[in-house]
Amino acid sequence: MDNINKEILLEIIKVQMPFGKYKGTKLCDLPVSYLEWFSRQGGFPPGKLGMQLSTVYEIKINGLEEIIWKLKKLNP
């Protein structure tokens, strides 16, 4: 895994949602239903936040949340 991918994964466990219903919630802790809502509404926001949200979405819908749990343990 290259450094960019590692950086993205580390960011999703630390960065907080900057707006909306879940403002202040860490991206990795957003419910999948909220991420699905974004997907149905025409996609994720543009830029880095959208990429981070889509990464969390892909992890969650593919049953890979263990990645998030391990990262949280290693990077409290």
N, C-alpha and C. Protein backbone atom coordinates (compact mmCIF):
# COMPACT_ATOMS: atom_id res chain seq x y z
N MET A 1 0.85 -1.18 0.00
CA MET A 1 0.00 0.00 0.00
C MET A 1 0.90 1.24 0.00
N ASP A 2 0.60 2.17 -0.86
CA ASP A 2 1.45 3.35 -0.93
C ASP A 2 1.07 4.37 0.14
N ASN A 3 1.91 5.38 0.29
CA ASN A 3 1.73 6.37 1.36
C ASN A 3 0.43 7.16 1.21
N ILE A 4 -0.01 7.40 -0.02
CA ILE A 4 -1.26 8.15 -0.23
C ILE A 4 -2.43 7.36 0.34
N ASN A 5 -2.50 6.07 0.07
CA ASN A 5 -3.59 5.24 0.58
C ASN A 5 -3.55 5.18 2.10
N LYS A 6 -2.36 5.04 2.67
CA LYS A 6 -2.24 5.01 4.13
C LYS A 6 -2.71 6.32 4.72
N GLU A 7 -2.35 7.43 4.09
CA GLU A 7 -2.75 8.75 4.57
C GLU A 7 -4.26 8.89 4.55
N ILE A 8 -4.90 8.44 3.49
CA ILE A 8 -6.36 8.51 3.38
C ILE A 8 -7.01 7.72 4.50
N LEU A 9 -6.52 6.52 4.74
CA LEU A 9 -7.10 5.68 5.79
C LEU A 9 -6.92 6.31 7.17
N LEU A 10 -5.76 6.88 7.41
CA LEU A 10 -5.53 7.55 8.70
C LEU A 10 -6.42 8.77 8.85
N GLU A 11 -6.65 9.48 7.75
CA GLU A 11 -7.51 10.67 7.81
C GLU A 11 -8.95 10.32 8.14
N ILE A 12 -9.46 9.23 7.60
CA ILE A 12 -10.88 8.93 7.83
C ILE A 12 -11.17 8.54 9.28
N ILE A 13 -10.13 8.17 10.03
CA ILE A 13 -10.38 7.88 11.45
C ILE A 13 -10.18 9.11 12.34
N LYS A 14 -9.68 10.20 11.75
CA LYS A 14 -9.41 11.41 12.54
C LYS A 14 -10.24 12.61 12.14
N VAL A 15 -10.55 12.74 10.85
CA VAL A 15 -11.27 13.92 10.34
C VAL A 15 -12.75 13.83 10.72
N GLN A 16 -13.30 14.98 11.09
CA GLN A 16 -14.71 15.05 11.47
C GLN A 16 -15.54 15.62 10.33
N MET A 17 -16.78 15.18 10.27
CA MET A 17 -17.72 15.69 9.29
C MET A 17 -17.92 17.19 9.56
N PRO A 18 -17.67 18.04 8.55
CA PRO A 18 -17.69 19.49 8.79
C PRO A 18 -19.07 20.15 8.73
N PHE A 19 -20.10 19.41 8.33
CA PHE A 19 -21.42 20.03 8.18
C PHE A 19 -22.51 18.98 8.30
N GLY A 20 -23.74 19.45 8.34
CA GLY A 20 -24.90 18.57 8.27
C GLY A 20 -25.28 17.90 9.58
N LYS A 21 -26.14 16.94 9.44
CA LYS A 21 -26.72 16.21 10.57
C LYS A 21 -25.66 15.60 11.48
N TYR A 22 -24.57 15.15 10.90
CA TYR A 22 -23.51 14.48 11.66
C TYR A 22 -22.26 15.33 11.83
N LYS A 23 -22.44 16.64 11.81
CA LYS A 23 -21.31 17.55 12.00
C LYS A 23 -20.59 17.19 13.30
N GLY A 24 -19.26 17.07 13.22
CA GLY A 24 -18.45 16.73 14.39
C GLY A 24 -18.20 15.25 14.59
N THR A 25 -18.89 14.41 13.82
CA THR A 25 -18.69 12.96 13.89
C THR A 25 -17.50 12.58 13.03
N LYS A 26 -16.65 11.71 13.54
CA LYS A 26 -15.52 11.24 12.73
C LYS A 26 -16.08 10.53 11.49
N LEU A 27 -15.42 10.73 10.37
CA LEU A 27 -15.91 10.16 9.11
C LEU A 27 -16.10 8.65 9.22
N CYS A 28 -15.20 7.97 9.88
CA CYS A 28 -15.29 6.51 9.99
C CYS A 28 -16.48 6.07 10.83
N ASP A 29 -17.03 6.98 11.64
CA ASP A 29 -18.16 6.65 12.50
C ASP A 29 -19.51 7.04 11.91
N LEU A 30 -19.52 7.58 10.71
CA LEU A 30 -20.78 7.92 10.06
C LEU A 30 -21.56 6.66 9.75
N PRO A 31 -22.87 6.68 9.96
CA PRO A 31 -23.66 5.48 9.63
C PRO A 31 -23.72 5.26 8.12
N VAL A 32 -23.75 4.01 7.74
CA VAL A 32 -23.78 3.68 6.32
C VAL A 32 -25.03 4.27 5.66
N SER A 33 -26.11 4.40 6.39
CA SER A 33 -27.34 4.97 5.82
C SER A 33 -27.11 6.42 5.37
N TYR A 34 -26.31 7.17 6.10
CA TYR A 34 -25.99 8.55 5.73
C TYR A 34 -25.12 8.57 4.47
N LEU A 35 -24.17 7.66 4.40
CA LEU A 35 -23.31 7.56 3.22
C LEU A 35 -24.11 7.12 2.00
N GLU A 36 -25.06 6.21 2.21
CA GLU A 36 -25.94 5.79 1.11
C GLU A 36 -26.79 6.95 0.62
N TRP A 37 -27.24 7.79 1.55
CA TRP A 37 -28.03 8.97 1.18
C TRP A 37 -27.22 9.87 0.24
N PHE A 38 -25.97 10.13 0.60
CA PHE A 38 -25.11 10.92 -0.28
C PHE A 38 -25.05 10.30 -1.67
N SER A 39 -24.84 9.00 -1.70
CA SER A 39 -24.70 8.29 -2.97
C SER A 39 -25.97 8.44 -3.82
N ARG A 40 -27.13 8.33 -3.19
CA ARG A 40 -28.41 8.45 -3.91
C ARG A 40 -28.70 9.88 -4.35
N GLN A 41 -28.17 10.86 -3.64
CA GLN A 41 -28.45 12.26 -3.94
C GLN A 41 -27.56 12.84 -5.04
N GLY A 42 -26.89 12.01 -5.75
CA GLY A 42 -26.06 12.50 -6.85
C GLY A 42 -24.57 12.44 -6.57
N GLY A 43 -24.22 11.83 -5.49
CA GLY A 43 -22.80 11.64 -5.21
C GLY A 43 -22.29 12.42 -4.01
N PHE A 44 -21.06 12.16 -3.72
CA PHE A 44 -20.40 12.78 -2.58
C PHE A 44 -19.92 14.18 -2.95
N PRO A 45 -19.66 15.02 -1.94
CA PRO A 45 -19.17 16.37 -2.24
C PRO A 45 -17.88 16.32 -3.05
N PRO A 46 -17.58 17.38 -3.78
CA PRO A 46 -16.34 17.40 -4.56
C PRO A 46 -15.12 17.52 -3.64
N GLY A 47 -13.98 17.18 -4.18
CA GLY A 47 -12.73 17.38 -3.46
C GLY A 47 -12.37 16.27 -2.49
N LYS A 48 -11.49 16.64 -1.58
CA LYS A 48 -10.93 15.68 -0.65
C LYS A 48 -11.99 15.05 0.26
N LEU A 49 -12.94 15.86 0.75
CA LEU A 49 -13.98 15.33 1.62
C LEU A 49 -14.79 14.25 0.90
N GLY A 50 -15.14 14.51 -0.33
CA GLY A 50 -15.90 13.53 -1.10
C GLY A 50 -15.14 12.23 -1.28
N MET A 51 -13.84 12.34 -1.52
CA MET A 51 -13.01 11.15 -1.67
C MET A 51 -12.95 10.38 -0.35
N GLN A 52 -12.83 11.11 0.76
CA GLN A 52 -12.78 10.46 2.07
C GLN A 52 -14.11 9.77 2.37
N LEU A 53 -15.21 10.44 2.10
CA LEU A 53 -16.53 9.85 2.34
C LEU A 53 -16.77 8.63 1.47
N SER A 54 -16.37 8.70 0.22
CA SER A 54 -16.57 7.55 -0.67
C SER A 54 -15.70 6.38 -0.23
N THR A 55 -14.54 6.67 0.33
CA THR A 55 -13.68 5.60 0.86
C THR A 55 -14.35 4.90 2.04
N VAL A 56 -14.90 5.69 2.96
CA VAL A 56 -15.61 5.10 4.10
C VAL A 56 -16.80 4.29 3.61
N TYR A 57 -17.52 4.82 2.65
CA TYR A 57 -18.68 4.13 2.08
C TYR A 57 -18.28 2.78 1.50
N GLU A 58 -17.23 2.75 0.71
CA GLU A 58 -16.77 1.50 0.09
C GLU A 58 -16.32 0.50 1.15
N ILE A 59 -15.64 0.97 2.16
CA ILE A 59 -15.21 0.08 3.25
C ILE A 59 -16.43 -0.55 3.92
N LYS A 60 -17.41 0.27 4.23
CA LYS A 60 -18.58 -0.21 4.97
C LYS A 60 -19.47 -1.12 4.14
N ILE A 61 -19.73 -0.77 2.88
CA ILE A 61 -20.65 -1.61 2.09
C ILE A 61 -20.00 -2.93 1.67
N ASN A 62 -18.68 -2.99 1.73
CA ASN A 62 -17.99 -4.23 1.38
C ASN A 62 -17.59 -5.06 2.61
N GLY A 63 -18.10 -4.68 3.78
CA GLY A 63 -17.86 -5.45 4.98
C GLY A 63 -16.41 -5.43 5.46
N LEU A 64 -15.72 -4.34 5.22
CA LEU A 64 -14.30 -4.25 5.57
C LEU A 64 -14.06 -3.35 6.78
N GLU A 65 -15.05 -3.21 7.63
CA GLU A 65 -14.92 -2.31 8.78
C GLU A 65 -13.80 -2.72 9.74
N GLU A 66 -13.35 -3.95 9.64
CA GLU A 66 -12.23 -4.39 10.46
C GLU A 66 -11.00 -3.51 10.23
N ILE A 67 -10.86 -3.01 9.01
CA ILE A 67 -9.76 -2.09 8.69
C ILE A 67 -9.85 -0.86 9.60
N ILE A 68 -11.05 -0.32 9.74
CA ILE A 68 -11.25 0.86 10.57
C ILE A 68 -10.97 0.55 12.03
N TRP A 69 -11.48 -0.59 12.50
CA TRP A 69 -11.27 -0.96 13.91
C TRP A 69 -9.79 -1.09 14.23
N LYS A 70 -9.04 -1.73 13.33
CA LYS A 70 -7.60 -1.92 13.56
C LYS A 70 -6.88 -0.57 13.57
N LEU A 71 -7.24 0.30 12.62
CA LEU A 71 -6.60 1.61 12.56
C LEU A 71 -6.88 2.43 13.82
N LYS A 72 -8.10 2.33 14.32
CA LYS A 72 -8.46 3.06 15.55
C LYS A 72 -7.65 2.56 16.73
N LYS A 73 -7.41 1.26 16.79
CA LYS A 73 -6.60 0.70 17.89
C LYS A 73 -5.16 1.15 17.80
N LEU A 74 -4.63 1.20 16.58
CA LEU A 74 -3.23 1.56 16.38
C LEU A 74 -2.98 3.07 16.46
N ASN A 75 -4.01 3.87 16.23
CA ASN A 75 -3.88 5.33 16.18
C ASN A 75 -4.97 6.00 17.00
N PRO A 76 -4.91 5.85 18.32
CA PRO A 76 -5.98 6.41 19.17
C PRO A 76 -6.01 7.93 19.13
